[in-house]
């Protein structure tokens, strides 16, 4: 596995980790980081932040308004339309239905699923 820049990590439950980075990279570990598996990403944009509400529900955000969502622990990821062409730098689940996303120039988005 050839990976360049990695930008953020999320650990919603004991032993589970997700890491995101350049060119849509999403990595997952279920053994406290002893081994890593690359997950298929629907985005080729750099991903800068990832957050999980629980072991199944996660959202990653990044360059050019990219946002990718998983509801099955990363077995599959889908693109989420943000309507932006801007840097998105952080994400936080407020509850199981709503994520708060922030980015450049004071951008604040509330994404609902």
PDB file of N, CA and C in Angstrom:
ATOM      1  N   UNK A   1       0.847  -1.156   0.000  1.00  0.00           N
ATOM      2  CA  UNK A   1       0.000   0.000   0.000  1.00  0.00           C
ATOM      3  C   UNK A   1       0.905   1.234   0.000  1.00  0.00           C
ATOM      4  N   UNK A   2       0.792   2.046  -1.039  1.00  0.00           N
ATOM      5  CA  UNK A   2       1.564   3.278  -1.171  1.00  0.00           C
ATOM      6  C   UNK A   2       0.694   4.450  -0.758  1.00  0.00           C
ATOM      7  N   UNK A   3       1.030   5.101   0.342  1.00  0.00           N
ATOM      8  CA  UNK A   3       0.252   6.224   0.844  1.00  0.00           C
ATOM      9  C   UNK A   3       1.195   7.383   1.127  1.00  0.00           C
ATOM     10  N   UNK A   4       0.801   8.595   0.726  1.00  0.00           N
ATOM     11  CA  UNK A   4       1.590   9.791   0.996  1.00  0.00           C
ATOM     12  C   UNK A   4       1.155  10.432   2.300  1.00  0.00           C
ATOM     13  N   UNK A   5       0.514  11.589   2.202  1.00  0.00           N
ATOM     14  CA  UNK A   5       0.089  12.340   3.380  1.00  0.00           C
ATOM     15  C   UNK A   5      -1.156  11.749   4.028  1.00  0.00           C
ATOM     16  N   UNK A   6      -1.104  11.629   5.347  1.00  0.00           N
ATOM     17  CA  UNK A   6      -2.267  11.262   6.153  1.00  0.00           C
ATOM     18  C   UNK A   6      -2.583  12.452   7.038  1.00  0.00           C
ATOM     19  N   UNK A   7      -3.856  12.810   7.149  1.00  0.00           N
ATOM     20  CA  UNK A   7      -4.201  14.087   7.767  1.00  0.00           C
ATOM     21  C   UNK A   7      -5.005  14.030   9.060  1.00  0.00           C
ATOM     22  N   UNK A   8      -5.768  12.965   9.300  1.00  0.00           N
ATOM     23  CA  UNK A   8      -6.581  12.926  10.507  1.00  0.00           C
ATOM     24  C   UNK A   8      -6.896  11.488  10.865  1.00  0.00           C
ATOM     25  N   UNK A   9      -7.236  11.285  12.130  1.00  0.00           N
ATOM     26  CA  UNK A   9      -7.564   9.950  12.633  1.00  0.00           C
ATOM     27  C   UNK A   9      -8.807  10.033  13.509  1.00  0.00           C
ATOM     28  N   UNK A  10      -9.634   8.996  13.452  1.00  0.00           N
ATOM     29  CA  UNK A  10     -10.815   8.887  14.315  1.00  0.00           C
ATOM     30  C   UNK A  10     -10.808   7.512  14.963  1.00  0.00           C
ATOM     31  N   UNK A  11     -11.225   7.466  16.239  1.00  0.00           N
ATOM     32  CA  UNK A  11     -11.300   6.202  16.959  1.00  0.00           C
ATOM     33  C   UNK A  11     -12.563   6.205  17.814  1.00  0.00           C
ATOM     34  N   UNK A  12     -13.682   5.719  17.241  1.00  0.00           N
ATOM     35  CA  UNK A  12     -14.958   5.775  17.952  1.00  0.00           C
ATOM     36  C   UNK A  12     -15.134   4.699  19.024  1.00  0.00           C
ATOM     37  N   UNK A  13     -14.379   3.616  18.912  1.00  0.00           N
ATOM     38  CA  UNK A  13     -14.541   2.514  19.856  1.00  0.00           C
ATOM     39  C   UNK A  13     -13.188   1.840  20.075  1.00  0.00           C
ATOM     40  N   UNK A  14     -13.068   1.148  21.139  1.00  0.00           N
ATOM     41  CA  UNK A  14     -11.822   0.490  21.487  1.00  0.00           C
ATOM     42  C   UNK A  14     -11.289  -0.384  20.352  1.00  0.00           C
ATOM     43  N   UNK A  15     -10.080  -0.087  19.906  1.00  0.00           N
ATOM     44  CA  UNK A  15      -9.426  -0.896  18.887  1.00  0.00           C
ATOM     45  C   UNK A  15      -9.714  -0.513  17.458  1.00  0.00           C
ATOM     46  N   UNK A  16     -10.705   0.350  17.218  1.00  0.00           N
ATOM     47  CA  UNK A  16     -11.075   0.759  15.866  1.00  0.00           C
ATOM     48  C   UNK A  16     -10.469   2.117  15.538  1.00  0.00           C
ATOM     49  N   UNK A  17      -9.855   2.213  14.345  1.00  0.00           N
ATOM     50  CA  UNK A  17      -9.274   3.472  13.891  1.00  0.00           C
ATOM     51  C   UNK A  17      -9.540   3.660  12.407  1.00  0.00           C
ATOM     52  N   UNK A  18      -9.796   4.911  12.002  1.00  0.00           N
ATOM     53  CA  UNK A  18      -9.854   5.306  10.599  1.00  0.00           C
ATOM     54  C   UNK A  18      -8.918   6.481  10.420  1.00  0.00           C
ATOM     55  N   UNK A  19      -8.177   6.472   9.315  1.00  0.00           N
ATOM     56  CA  UNK A  19      -7.262   7.551   8.973  1.00  0.00           C
ATOM     57  C   UNK A  19      -7.599   8.001   7.565  1.00  0.00           C
ATOM     58  N   UNK A  20      -7.578   9.320   7.322  1.00  0.00           N
ATOM     59  CA  UNK A  20      -7.839   9.858   5.986  1.00  0.00           C
ATOM     60  C   UNK A  20      -6.663  10.705   5.533  1.00  0.00           C
ATOM     61  N   UNK A  21      -6.538  10.844   4.188  1.00  0.00           N
ATOM     62  CA  UNK A  21      -5.426  11.623   3.668  1.00  0.00           C
ATOM     63  C   UNK A  21      -5.580  11.986   2.217  1.00  0.00           C
ATOM     64  N   UNK A  22      -4.414  12.169   1.575  1.00  0.00           N
ATOM     65  CA  UNK A  22      -4.402  12.681   0.206  1.00  0.00           C
ATOM     66  C   UNK A  22      -5.067  11.728  -0.774  1.00  0.00           C
ATOM     67  N   UNK A  23      -5.572  12.333  -1.840  1.00  0.00           N
ATOM     68  CA  UNK A  23      -6.185  11.606  -2.963  1.00  0.00           C
ATOM     69  C   UNK A  23      -7.297  10.655  -2.514  1.00  0.00           C
ATOM     70  N   UNK A  24      -8.071  11.051  -1.493  1.00  0.00           N
ATOM     71  CA  UNK A  24      -9.200  10.247  -1.048  1.00  0.00           C
ATOM     72  C   UNK A  24      -8.842   9.035  -0.210  1.00  0.00           C
ATOM     73  N   UNK A  25      -7.615   8.957   0.262  1.00  0.00           N
ATOM     74  CA  UNK A  25      -7.175   7.794   1.042  1.00  0.00           C
ATOM     75  C   UNK A  25      -7.992   7.635   2.318  1.00  0.00           C
ATOM     76  N   UNK A  26      -8.480   6.409   2.547  1.00  0.00           N
ATOM     77  CA  UNK A  26      -9.147   6.034   3.790  1.00  0.00           C
ATOM     78  C   UNK A  26      -8.555   4.697   4.224  1.00  0.00           C
ATOM     79  N   UNK A  27      -7.972   4.673   5.413  1.00  0.00           N
ATOM     80  CA  UNK A  27      -7.405   3.450   5.972  1.00  0.00           C
ATOM     81  C   UNK A  27      -8.177   3.073   7.235  1.00  0.00           C
ATOM     82  N   UNK A  28      -8.274   1.771   7.503  1.00  0.00           N
ATOM     83  CA  UNK A  28      -9.007   1.274   8.674  1.00  0.00           C
ATOM     84  C   UNK A  28      -8.186   0.213   9.396  1.00  0.00           C
ATOM     85  N   UNK A  29      -8.211   0.287  10.722  1.00  0.00           N
ATOM     86  CA  UNK A  29      -7.610  -0.743  11.566  1.00  0.00           C
ATOM     87  C   UNK A  29      -8.632  -1.182  12.598  1.00  0.00           C
ATOM     88  N   UNK A  30      -8.743  -2.479  12.794  1.00  0.00           N
ATOM     89  CA  UNK A  30      -9.656  -3.001  13.823  1.00  0.00           C
ATOM     90  C   UNK A  30      -8.885  -3.698  14.941  1.00  0.00           C
ATOM     91  N   UNK A  31      -7.544  -3.509  14.946  1.00  0.00           N
ATOM     92  CA  UNK A  31      -6.710  -4.178  15.950  1.00  0.00           C
ATOM     93  C   UNK A  31      -5.709  -3.215  16.596  1.00  0.00           C
ATOM     94  N   UNK A  32      -6.206  -2.055  16.978  1.00  0.00           N
ATOM     95  CA  UNK A  32      -5.378  -1.027  17.638  1.00  0.00           C
ATOM     96  C   UNK A  32      -4.190  -0.582  16.800  1.00  0.00           C
ATOM     97  N   UNK A  33      -4.335  -0.587  15.476  1.00  0.00           N
ATOM     98  CA  UNK A  33      -3.287  -0.082  14.599  1.00  0.00           C
ATOM     99  C   UNK A  33      -2.195  -1.077  14.258  1.00  0.00           C
ATOM    100  N   UNK A  34      -2.366  -2.322  14.639  1.00  0.00           N
ATOM    101  CA  UNK A  34      -1.361  -3.341  14.306  1.00  0.00           C
ATOM    102  C   UNK A  34      -1.328  -3.624  12.806  1.00  0.00           C
ATOM    103  N   UNK A  35      -2.501  -3.560  12.170  1.00  0.00           N
ATOM    104  CA  UNK A  35      -2.577  -3.743  10.714  1.00  0.00           C
ATOM    105  C   UNK A  35      -3.599  -2.750  10.165  1.00  0.00           C
ATOM    106  N   UNK A  36      -3.427  -2.407   8.877  1.00  0.00           N
ATOM    107  CA  UNK A  36      -4.272  -1.413   8.234  1.00  0.00           C
ATOM    108  C   UNK A  36      -4.773  -1.943   6.909  1.00  0.00           C
ATOM    109  N   UNK A  37      -6.020  -1.613   6.581  1.00  0.00           N
ATOM    110  CA  UNK A  37      -6.620  -1.992   5.302  1.00  0.00           C
ATOM    111  C   UNK A  37      -7.130  -0.728   4.627  1.00  0.00           C
ATOM    112  N   UNK A  38      -6.794  -0.578   3.344  1.00  0.00           N
ATOM    113  CA  UNK A  38      -7.299   0.573   2.602  1.00  0.00           C
ATOM    114  C   UNK A  38      -8.742   0.322   2.209  1.00  0.00           C
ATOM    115  N   UNK A  39      -9.592   1.342   2.393  1.00  0.00           N
ATOM    116  CA  UNK A  39     -10.997   1.241   2.043  1.00  0.00           C
ATOM    117  C   UNK A  39     -11.254   2.032   0.770  1.00  0.00           C
ATOM    118  N   UNK A  40     -12.181   1.556  -0.041  1.00  0.00           N
ATOM    119  CA  UNK A  40     -12.506   2.228  -1.307  1.00  0.00           C
ATOM    120  C   UNK A  40     -13.177   3.560  -1.018  1.00  0.00           C
ATOM    121  N   UNK A  41     -12.654   4.617  -1.637  1.00  0.00           N
ATOM    122  CA  UNK A  41     -13.196   5.956  -1.458  1.00  0.00           C
ATOM    123  C   UNK A  41     -13.827   6.433  -2.758  1.00  0.00           C
ATOM    124  N   UNK A  42     -14.999   7.071  -2.691  1.00  0.00           N
ATOM    125  CA  UNK A  42     -15.620   7.600  -3.897  1.00  0.00           C
ATOM    126  C   UNK A  42     -15.022   8.940  -4.334  1.00  0.00           C
ATOM    127  N   UNK A  43     -14.070   9.457  -3.560  1.00  0.00           N
ATOM    128  CA  UNK A  43     -13.484  10.761  -3.857  1.00  0.00           C
ATOM    129  C   UNK A  43     -11.986  10.638  -4.101  1.00  0.00           C
ATOM    130  N   UNK A  44     -11.495  11.398  -5.078  1.00  0.00           N
ATOM    131  CA  UNK A  44     -10.057  11.487  -5.319  1.00  0.00           C
ATOM    132  C   UNK A  44      -9.495  12.759  -4.701  1.00  0.00           C
ATOM    133  N   UNK A  45     -10.344  13.538  -4.040  1.00  0.00           N
ATOM    134  CA  UNK A  45      -9.893  14.772  -3.385  1.00  0.00           C
ATOM    135  C   UNK A  45      -9.165  14.442  -2.083  1.00  0.00           C
ATOM    136  N   UNK A  46      -8.245  15.319  -1.694  1.00  0.00           N
ATOM    137  CA  UNK A  46      -7.573  15.158  -0.404  1.00  0.00           C
ATOM    138  C   UNK A  46      -8.615  15.269   0.708  1.00  0.00           C
ATOM    139  N   UNK A  47      -8.544  14.347   1.653  1.00  0.00           N
ATOM    140  CA  UNK A  47      -9.439  14.356   2.810  1.00  0.00           C
ATOM    141  C   UNK A  47      -8.642  14.834   4.020  1.00  0.00           C
ATOM    142  N   UNK A  48      -9.182  15.808   4.748  1.00  0.00           N
ATOM    143  CA  UNK A  48      -8.455  16.446   5.844  1.00  0.00           C
ATOM    144  C   UNK A  48      -8.989  16.124   7.226  1.00  0.00           C
ATOM    145  N   UNK A  49     -10.224  15.646   7.318  1.00  0.00           N
ATOM    146  CA  UNK A  49     -10.798  15.380   8.638  1.00  0.00           C
ATOM    147  C   UNK A  49     -11.774  14.217   8.553  1.00  0.00           C
ATOM    148  N   UNK A  50     -11.851  13.465   9.640  1.00  0.00           N
ATOM    149  CA  UNK A  50     -12.789  12.350   9.727  1.00  0.00           C
ATOM    150  C   UNK A  50     -13.305  12.268  11.161  1.00  0.00           C
ATOM    151  N   UNK A  51     -14.588  11.938  11.290  1.00  0.00           N
ATOM    152  CA  UNK A  51     -15.167  11.750  12.618  1.00  0.00           C
ATOM    153  C   UNK A  51     -16.226  10.656  12.530  1.00  0.00           C
ATOM    154  N   UNK A  52     -16.293   9.836  13.569  1.00  0.00           N
ATOM    155  CA  UNK A  52     -17.282   8.768  13.665  1.00  0.00           C
ATOM    156  C   UNK A  52     -18.184   9.018  14.858  1.00  0.00           C
ATOM    157  N   UNK A  53     -19.481   8.855  14.637  1.00  0.00           N
ATOM    158  CA  UNK A  53     -20.463   8.946  15.712  1.00  0.00           C
ATOM    159  C   UNK A  53     -20.409   7.672  16.557  1.00  0.00           C
ATOM    160  N   UNK A  54     -20.204   6.542  15.886  1.00  0.00           N
ATOM    161  CA  UNK A  54     -20.076   5.242  16.535  1.00  0.00           C
ATOM    162  C   UNK A  54     -19.257   4.353  15.603  1.00  0.00           C
ATOM    163  N   UNK A  55     -19.218   3.062  15.828  1.00  0.00           N
ATOM    164  CA  UNK A  55     -18.385   2.165  15.020  1.00  0.00           C
ATOM    165  C   UNK A  55     -18.853   2.044  13.570  1.00  0.00           C
ATOM    166  N   UNK A  56     -20.043   2.498  13.251  1.00  0.00           N
ATOM    167  CA  UNK A  56     -20.599   2.363  11.898  1.00  0.00           C
ATOM    168  C   UNK A  56     -20.707   3.679  11.132  1.00  0.00           C
ATOM    169  N   UNK A  57     -21.077   4.760  11.800  1.00  0.00           N
ATOM    170  CA  UNK A  57     -21.422   6.026  11.147  1.00  0.00           C
ATOM    171  C   UNK A  57     -20.244   6.997  11.159  1.00  0.00           C
ATOM    172  N   UNK A  58     -19.700   7.289   9.965  1.00  0.00           N
ATOM    173  CA  UNK A  58     -18.572   8.204   9.861  1.00  0.00           C
ATOM    174  C   UNK A  58     -18.687   9.140   8.680  1.00  0.00           C
ATOM    175  N   UNK A  59     -18.009  10.281   8.777  1.00  0.00           N
ATOM    176  CA  UNK A  59     -17.977  11.276   7.711  1.00  0.00           C
ATOM    177  C   UNK A  59     -16.563  11.834   7.614  1.00  0.00           C
ATOM    178  N   UNK A  60     -16.054  11.913   6.382  1.00  0.00           N
ATOM    179  CA  UNK A  60     -14.755  12.529   6.121  1.00  0.00           C
ATOM    180  C   UNK A  60     -14.971  13.693   5.170  1.00  0.00           C
ATOM    181  N   UNK A  61     -14.185  14.769   5.354  1.00  0.00           N
ATOM    182  CA  UNK A  61     -14.316  15.966   4.519  1.00  0.00           C
ATOM    183  C   UNK A  61     -12.943  16.437   4.073  1.00  0.00           C
ATOM    184  N   UNK A  62     -12.943  17.252   2.988  1.00  0.00           N
ATOM    185  CA  UNK A  62     -11.662  17.725   2.503  1.00  0.00           C
ATOM    186  C   UNK A  62     -11.733  18.795   1.447  1.00  0.00           C
ATOM    187  N   UNK A  63     -10.841  18.703   0.479  1.00  0.00           N
ATOM    188  CA  UNK A  63     -10.658  19.717  -0.556  1.00  0.00           C
ATOM    189  C   UNK A  63     -11.853  19.798  -1.493  1.00  0.00           C
ATOM    190  N   UNK A  64     -12.074  21.012  -2.004  1.00  0.00           N
ATOM    191  CA  UNK A  64     -13.107  21.265  -3.019  1.00  0.00           C
ATOM    192  C   UNK A  64     -14.498  20.823  -2.573  1.00  0.00           C
ATOM    193  N   UNK A  65     -14.776  20.923  -1.261  1.00  0.00           N
ATOM    194  CA  UNK A  65     -16.095  20.576  -0.747  1.00  0.00           C
ATOM    195  C   UNK A  65     -16.370  19.092  -0.649  1.00  0.00           C
ATOM    196  N   UNK A  66     -15.323  18.279  -0.733  1.00  0.00           N
ATOM    197  CA  UNK A  66     -15.510  16.823  -0.682  1.00  0.00           C
ATOM    198  C   UNK A  66     -16.043  16.389   0.682  1.00  0.00           C
ATOM    199  N   UNK A  67     -17.011  15.478   0.653  1.00  0.00           N
ATOM    200  CA  UNK A  67     -17.539  14.851   1.859  1.00  0.00           C
ATOM    201  C   UNK A  67     -17.933  13.427   1.499  1.00  0.00           C
ATOM    202  N   UNK A  68     -17.493  12.463   2.295  1.00  0.00           N
ATOM    203  CA  UNK A  68     -17.834  11.057   2.057  1.00  0.00           C
ATOM    204  C   UNK A  68     -18.354  10.454   3.352  1.00  0.00           C
ATOM    205  N   UNK A  69     -19.413   9.667   3.226  1.00  0.00           N
ATOM    206  CA  UNK A  69     -20.150   9.131   4.361  1.00  0.00           C
ATOM    207  C   UNK A  69     -20.140   7.610   4.336  1.00  0.00           C
ATOM    208  N   UNK A  70     -19.992   7.013   5.527  1.00  0.00           N
ATOM    209  CA  UNK A  70     -20.201   5.575   5.671  1.00  0.00           C
ATOM    210  C   UNK A  70     -21.220   5.338   6.773  1.00  0.00           C
ATOM    211  N   UNK A  71     -22.077   4.353   6.569  1.00  0.00           N
ATOM    212  CA  UNK A  71     -23.044   3.952   7.597  1.00  0.00           C
ATOM    213  C   UNK A  71     -22.828   2.490   8.000  1.00  0.00           C
ATOM    214  N   UNK A  72     -21.758   1.894   7.436  1.00  0.00           N
ATOM    215  CA  UNK A  72     -21.481   0.481   7.698  1.00  0.00           C
ATOM    216  C   UNK A  72     -20.027   0.237   8.116  1.00  0.00           C
ATOM    217  N   UNK A  73     -19.470   1.192   8.831  1.00  0.00           N
ATOM    218  CA  UNK A  73     -18.112   1.028   9.344  1.00  0.00           C
ATOM    219  C   UNK A  73     -17.043   1.085   8.277  1.00  0.00           C
ATOM    220  N   UNK A  74     -17.347   1.687   7.138  1.00  0.00           N
ATOM    221  CA  UNK A  74     -16.353   1.842   6.084  1.00  0.00           C
ATOM    222  C   UNK A  74     -16.364   0.751   5.039  1.00  0.00           C
ATOM    223  N   UNK A  75     -17.267  -0.215   5.153  1.00  0.00           N
ATOM    224  CA  UNK A  75     -17.370  -1.236   4.107  1.00  0.00           C
ATOM    225  C   UNK A  75     -17.709  -0.569   2.782  1.00  0.00           C
ATOM    226  N   UNK A  76     -18.489   0.516   2.857  1.00  0.00           N
ATOM    227  CA  UNK A  76     -18.767   1.325   1.673  1.00  0.00           C
ATOM    228  C   UNK A  76     -18.842   2.788   2.096  1.00  0.00           C
ATOM    229  N   UNK A  77     -18.416   3.653   1.191  1.00  0.00           N
ATOM    230  CA  UNK A  77     -18.454   5.102   1.390  1.00  0.00           C
ATOM    231  C   UNK A  77     -19.188   5.716   0.208  1.00  0.00           C
ATOM    232  N   UNK A  78     -19.992   6.739   0.464  1.00  0.00           N
ATOM    233  CA  UNK A  78     -20.704   7.436  -0.612  1.00  0.00           C
ATOM    234  C   UNK A  78     -20.412   8.930  -0.521  1.00  0.00           C
ATOM    235  N   UNK A  79     -20.393   9.577  -1.677  1.00  0.00           N
ATOM    236  CA  UNK A  79     -20.197  11.028  -1.714  1.00  0.00           C
ATOM    237  C   UNK A  79     -21.440  11.735  -1.209  1.00  0.00           C
ATOM    238  N   UNK A  80     -21.220  12.825  -0.497  1.00  0.00           N
ATOM    239  CA  UNK A  80     -22.299  13.674  -0.009  1.00  0.00           C
ATOM    240  C   UNK A  80     -22.124  15.040  -0.659  1.00  0.00           C
ATOM    241  N   UNK A  81     -23.147  15.526  -1.319  1.00  0.00           N
ATOM    242  CA  UNK A  81     -23.073  16.837  -1.974  1.00  0.00           C
ATOM    243  C   UNK A  81     -23.088  17.945  -0.934  1.00  0.00           C
ATOM    244  N   UNK A  82     -22.082  18.819  -1.007  1.00  0.00           N
ATOM    245  CA  UNK A  82     -22.042  19.979  -0.115  1.00  0.00           C
ATOM    246  C   UNK A  82     -22.383  21.267  -0.856  1.00  0.00           C
ATOM    247  N   UNK A  83     -22.306  21.232  -2.185  1.00  0.00           N
ATOM    248  CA  UNK A  83     -22.567  22.420  -2.969  1.00  0.00           C
ATOM    249  C   UNK A  83     -21.449  23.437  -2.928  1.00  0.00           C
ATOM    250  N   UNK A  84     -20.282  23.027  -2.422  1.00  0.00           N
ATOM    251  CA  UNK A  84     -19.152  23.946  -2.265  1.00  0.00           C
ATOM    252  C   UNK A  84     -17.955  23.522  -3.092  1.00  0.00           C
ATOM    253  N   UNK A  85     -17.135  24.485  -3.431  1.00  0.00           N
ATOM    254  CA  UNK A  85     -15.806  24.231  -3.979  1.00  0.00           C
ATOM    255  C   UNK A  85     -14.835  24.950  -3.057  1.00  0.00           C
ATOM    256  N   UNK A  86     -14.712  24.426  -1.844  1.00  0.00           N
ATOM    257  CA  UNK A  86     -13.930  25.068  -0.797  1.00  0.00           C
ATOM    258  C   UNK A  86     -13.246  24.010   0.065  1.00  0.00           C
ATOM    259  N   UNK A  87     -12.214  24.425   0.769  1.00  0.00           N
ATOM    260  CA  UNK A  87     -11.526  23.560   1.728  1.00  0.00           C
ATOM    261  C   UNK A  87     -12.434  23.333   2.932  1.00  0.00           C
ATOM    262  N   UNK A  88     -12.671  22.075   3.265  1.00  0.00           N
ATOM    263  CA  UNK A  88     -13.398  21.707   4.478  1.00  0.00           C
ATOM    264  C   UNK A  88     -12.395  21.055   5.411  1.00  0.00           C
ATOM    265  N   UNK A  89     -12.241  21.607   6.615  1.00  0.00           N
ATOM    266  CA  UNK A  89     -11.137  21.215   7.472  1.00  0.00           C
ATOM    267  C   UNK A  89     -11.460  20.420   8.711  1.00  0.00           C
ATOM    268  N   UNK A  90     -12.733  20.348   9.102  1.00  0.00           N
ATOM    269  CA  UNK A  90     -13.052  19.560  10.290  1.00  0.00           C
ATOM    270  C   UNK A  90     -14.519  19.158  10.264  1.00  0.00           C
ATOM    271  N   UNK A  91     -14.817  18.087  10.979  1.00  0.00           N
ATOM    272  CA  UNK A  91     -16.186  17.561  11.044  1.00  0.00           C
ATOM    273  C   UNK A  91     -16.426  16.988  12.432  1.00  0.00           C
ATOM    274  N   UNK A  92     -17.653  17.138  12.913  1.00  0.00           N
ATOM    275  CA  UNK A  92     -18.047  16.608  14.214  1.00  0.00           C
ATOM    276  C   UNK A  92     -19.507  16.196  14.139  1.00  0.00           C
ATOM    277  N   UNK A  93     -19.795  14.960  14.554  1.00  0.00           N
ATOM    278  CA  UNK A  93     -21.193  14.521  14.627  1.00  0.00           C
ATOM    279  C   UNK A  93     -21.813  15.141  15.872  1.00  0.00           C
ATOM    280  N   UNK A  94     -22.932  15.837  15.698  1.00  0.00           N
ATOM    281  CA  UNK A  94     -23.674  16.390  16.822  1.00  0.00           C
ATOM    282  C   UNK A  94     -24.596  15.339  17.415  1.00  0.00           C
ATOM    283  N   UNK A  95     -25.133  14.497  16.535  1.00  0.00           N
ATOM    284  CA  UNK A  95     -25.944  13.346  16.919  1.00  0.00           C
ATOM    285  C   UNK A  95     -25.956  12.404  15.718  1.00  0.00           C
ATOM    286  N   UNK A  96     -26.709  11.323  15.768  1.00  0.00           N
ATOM    287  CA  UNK A  96     -26.687  10.318  14.698  1.00  0.00           C
ATOM    288  C   UNK A  96     -27.285  10.808  13.380  1.00  0.00           C
ATOM    289  N   UNK A  97     -27.876  11.984  13.362  1.00  0.00           N
ATOM    290  CA  UNK A  97     -28.501  12.519  12.144  1.00  0.00           C
ATOM    291  C   UNK A  97     -27.818  13.774  11.610  1.00  0.00           C
ATOM    292  N   UNK A  98     -26.997  14.446  12.425  1.00  0.00           N
ATOM    293  CA  UNK A  98     -26.476  15.759  12.054  1.00  0.00           C
ATOM    294  C   UNK A  98     -24.976  15.868  12.301  1.00  0.00           C
ATOM    295  N   UNK A  99     -24.258  16.301  11.256  1.00  0.00           N
ATOM    296  CA  UNK A  99     -22.823  16.556  11.370  1.00  0.00           C
ATOM    297  C   UNK A  99     -22.557  18.035  11.129  1.00  0.00           C
ATOM    298  N   UNK A 100     -21.637  18.602  11.888  1.00  0.00           N
ATOM    299  CA  UNK A 100     -21.202  19.976  11.725  1.00  0.00           C
ATOM    300  C   UNK A 100     -19.861  19.954  10.999  1.00  0.00           C
ATOM    301  N   UNK A 101     -19.768  20.703   9.892  1.00  0.00           N
ATOM    302  CA  UNK A 101     -18.556  20.752   9.068  1.00  0.00           C
ATOM    303  C   UNK A 101     -18.105  22.205   8.994  1.00  0.00           C
ATOM    304  N   UNK A 102     -16.795  22.436   9.175  1.00  0.00           N
ATOM    305  CA  UNK A 102     -16.252  23.791   9.074  1.00  0.00           C
ATOM    306  C   UNK A 102     -15.118  23.812   8.057  1.00  0.00           C
ATOM    307  N   UNK A 103     -14.900  25.016   7.485  1.00  0.00           N
ATOM    308  CA  UNK A 103     -13.863  25.143   6.480  1.00  0.00           C
ATOM    309  C   UNK A 103     -13.404  26.571   6.298  1.00  0.00           C
ATOM    310  N   UNK A 104     -12.792  26.812   5.137  1.00  0.00           N
ATOM    311  CA  UNK A 104     -12.176  28.106   4.856  1.00  0.00           C
ATOM    312  C   UNK A 104     -13.183  29.247   4.834  1.00  0.00           C
ATOM    313  N   UNK A 105     -12.649  30.449   5.110  1.00  0.00           N
ATOM    314  CA  UNK A 105     -13.413  31.695   5.045  1.00  0.00           C
ATOM    315  C   UNK A 105     -14.682  31.661   5.907  1.00  0.00           C
ATOM    316  N   UNK A 106     -14.625  30.956   7.037  1.00  0.00           N
ATOM    317  CA  UNK A 106     -15.756  30.923   7.952  1.00  0.00           C
ATOM    318  C   UNK A 106     -16.884  30.001   7.556  1.00  0.00           C
ATOM    319  N   UNK A 107     -16.622  29.087   6.621  1.00  0.00           N
ATOM    320  CA  UNK A 107     -17.657  28.144   6.182  1.00  0.00           C
ATOM    321  C   UNK A 107     -18.108  27.265   7.337  1.00  0.00           C
ATOM    322  N   UNK A 108     -19.401  27.190   7.545  1.00  0.00           N
ATOM    323  CA  UNK A 108     -19.991  26.289   8.533  1.00  0.00           C
ATOM    324  C   UNK A 108     -21.186  25.630   7.858  1.00  0.00           C
ATOM    325  N   UNK A 109     -21.174  24.283   7.820  1.00  0.00           N
ATOM    326  CA  UNK A 109     -22.271  23.527   7.215  1.00  0.00           C
ATOM    327  C   UNK A 109     -22.855  22.583   8.252  1.00  0.00           C
ATOM    328  N   UNK A 110     -24.153  22.386   8.175  1.00  0.00           N
ATOM    329  CA  UNK A 110     -24.816  21.362   8.959  1.00  0.00           C
ATOM    330  C   UNK A 110     -25.316  20.327   7.962  1.00  0.00           C
ATOM    331  N   UNK A 111     -24.721  19.143   7.962  1.00  0.00           N
ATOM    332  CA  UNK A 111     -25.143  18.073   7.043  1.00  0.00           C
ATOM    333  C   UNK A 111     -26.053  17.107   7.783  1.00  0.00           C
ATOM    334  N   UNK A 112     -27.200  16.852   7.189  1.00  0.00           N
ATOM    335  CA  UNK A 112     -28.159  15.906   7.771  1.00  0.00           C
ATOM    336  C   UNK A 112     -28.254  14.688   6.895  1.00  0.00           C
ATOM    337  N   UNK A 113     -28.426  13.549   7.519  1.00  0.00           N
ATOM    338  CA  UNK A 113     -28.579  12.311   6.751  1.00  0.00           C
ATOM    339  C   UNK A 113     -29.978  11.765   6.876  1.00  0.00           C
TER     340      UNK A 113
END
